[in-house]
Amino acid sequence: MMTNKIGSNIRALRKKNYLTQEQLAETLNMTRQTLSNYELGKRIPDIYELIRIADLFHVSLDEMVGRNPNNYKNKDCGL
């Protein structure tokens, strides 16, 4: 499920950067509970939140949602 992948990626990026939920939540101007819900897959961040998180950690949106863009290069859309 993509929700869990997004949450897992947020958590992994947070831990990789040695941040607590409280620290990251404060940086993103959200509550710790909101961040926790994202990480647990209980809520999905909207596109604007995903962009902010991706920008903060210098990763692409594809990486945030667990997509590998190389899987889609030079492929016919099938229409």
Protein backbone atom coordinates (compact mmCIF):
# COMPACT_ATOMS: atom_id res chain seq x y z
CA MET A 1 0.00 0.00 0.00
CA MET A 2 1.42 3.38 -1.00
CA THR A 3 0.32 5.01 2.28
CA ASN A 4 2.63 2.74 4.25
CA LYS A 5 5.46 3.32 1.79
CA ILE A 6 5.19 7.09 2.17
CA GLY A 7 5.08 6.84 5.94
CA SER A 8 7.99 4.41 6.01
CA ASN A 9 10.03 6.72 3.81
CA ILE A 10 9.30 9.75 5.99
CA ARG A 11 10.32 7.81 9.08
CA ALA A 12 13.50 6.48 7.42
CA LEU A 13 14.52 9.96 6.25
CA ARG A 14 13.84 11.41 9.70
CA LYS A 15 15.92 8.73 11.42
CA LYS A 16 18.71 8.94 8.83
CA ASN A 17 19.00 12.63 9.72
CA TYR A 18 18.93 11.95 13.47
CA LEU A 19 15.72 13.89 14.04
CA THR A 20 13.01 13.16 16.56
CA GLN A 21 9.38 13.35 15.55
CA GLU A 22 9.11 16.50 17.65
CA GLN A 23 12.05 18.17 15.87
CA LEU A 24 10.82 17.32 12.38
CA ALA A 25 7.25 18.29 13.19
CA GLU A 26 8.43 21.66 14.50
CA THR A 27 10.52 22.24 11.36
CA LEU A 28 7.49 21.43 9.20
CA ASN A 29 5.16 23.51 11.39
CA MET A 30 2.88 20.59 12.26
CA THR A 31 2.08 18.66 15.39
CA ARG A 32 4.07 15.61 16.41
CA GLN A 33 0.82 13.64 16.27
CA THR A 34 0.26 14.60 12.63
CA LEU A 35 3.77 13.46 11.75
CA SER A 36 3.25 10.25 13.70
CA ASN A 37 0.04 9.58 11.78
CA TYR A 38 1.91 10.05 8.50
CA GLU A 39 4.66 7.67 9.58
CA LEU A 40 2.16 5.04 10.75
CA GLY A 41 0.14 5.29 7.54
CA LYS A 42 -2.97 6.52 9.36
CA ARG A 43 -2.98 9.70 7.29
CA ILE A 44 -1.54 10.66 3.93
CA PRO A 45 0.26 13.99 3.60
CA ASP A 46 -1.19 16.18 0.89
CA ILE A 47 0.95 17.01 -2.13
CA TYR A 48 2.11 20.30 -0.62
CA GLU A 49 3.32 18.57 2.56
CA LEU A 50 5.05 15.89 0.48
CA ILE A 51 6.86 18.59 -1.49
CA ARG A 52 7.98 20.32 1.70
CA ILE A 53 9.26 17.06 3.17
CA ALA A 54 11.00 16.05 -0.07
CA ASP A 55 12.63 19.47 -0.37
CA LEU A 56 13.79 19.38 3.24
CA PHE A 57 15.52 16.03 2.73
CA HIS A 58 16.66 16.74 -0.86
CA VAL A 59 14.81 13.78 -2.37
CA SER A 60 12.38 13.54 -5.28
CA LEU A 61 8.65 13.01 -4.95
CA ASP A 62 9.15 9.70 -6.75
CA GLU A 63 11.46 8.63 -3.94
CA MET A 64 8.98 9.84 -1.33
CA VAL A 65 6.20 7.65 -2.70
CA GLY A 66 8.46 4.69 -3.44
CA ARG A 67 8.43 4.89 -7.24
CA ASN A 68 11.42 4.17 -9.42
CA PRO A 69 11.26 6.57 -12.38
CA ASN A 70 13.62 4.34 -14.38
CA ASN A 71 10.78 1.82 -14.67
CA TYR A 72 8.82 4.33 -16.76
CA LYS A 73 11.45 5.77 -19.08
CA ASN A 74 11.00 5.19 -22.81
CA LYS A 75 7.86 3.15 -22.38
CA ASP A 76 4.79 3.56 -24.54
CA CYS A 77 1.75 4.60 -22.54
CA GLY A 78 -0.29 1.95 -24.33
CA LEU A 79 -3.01 4.23 -25.65
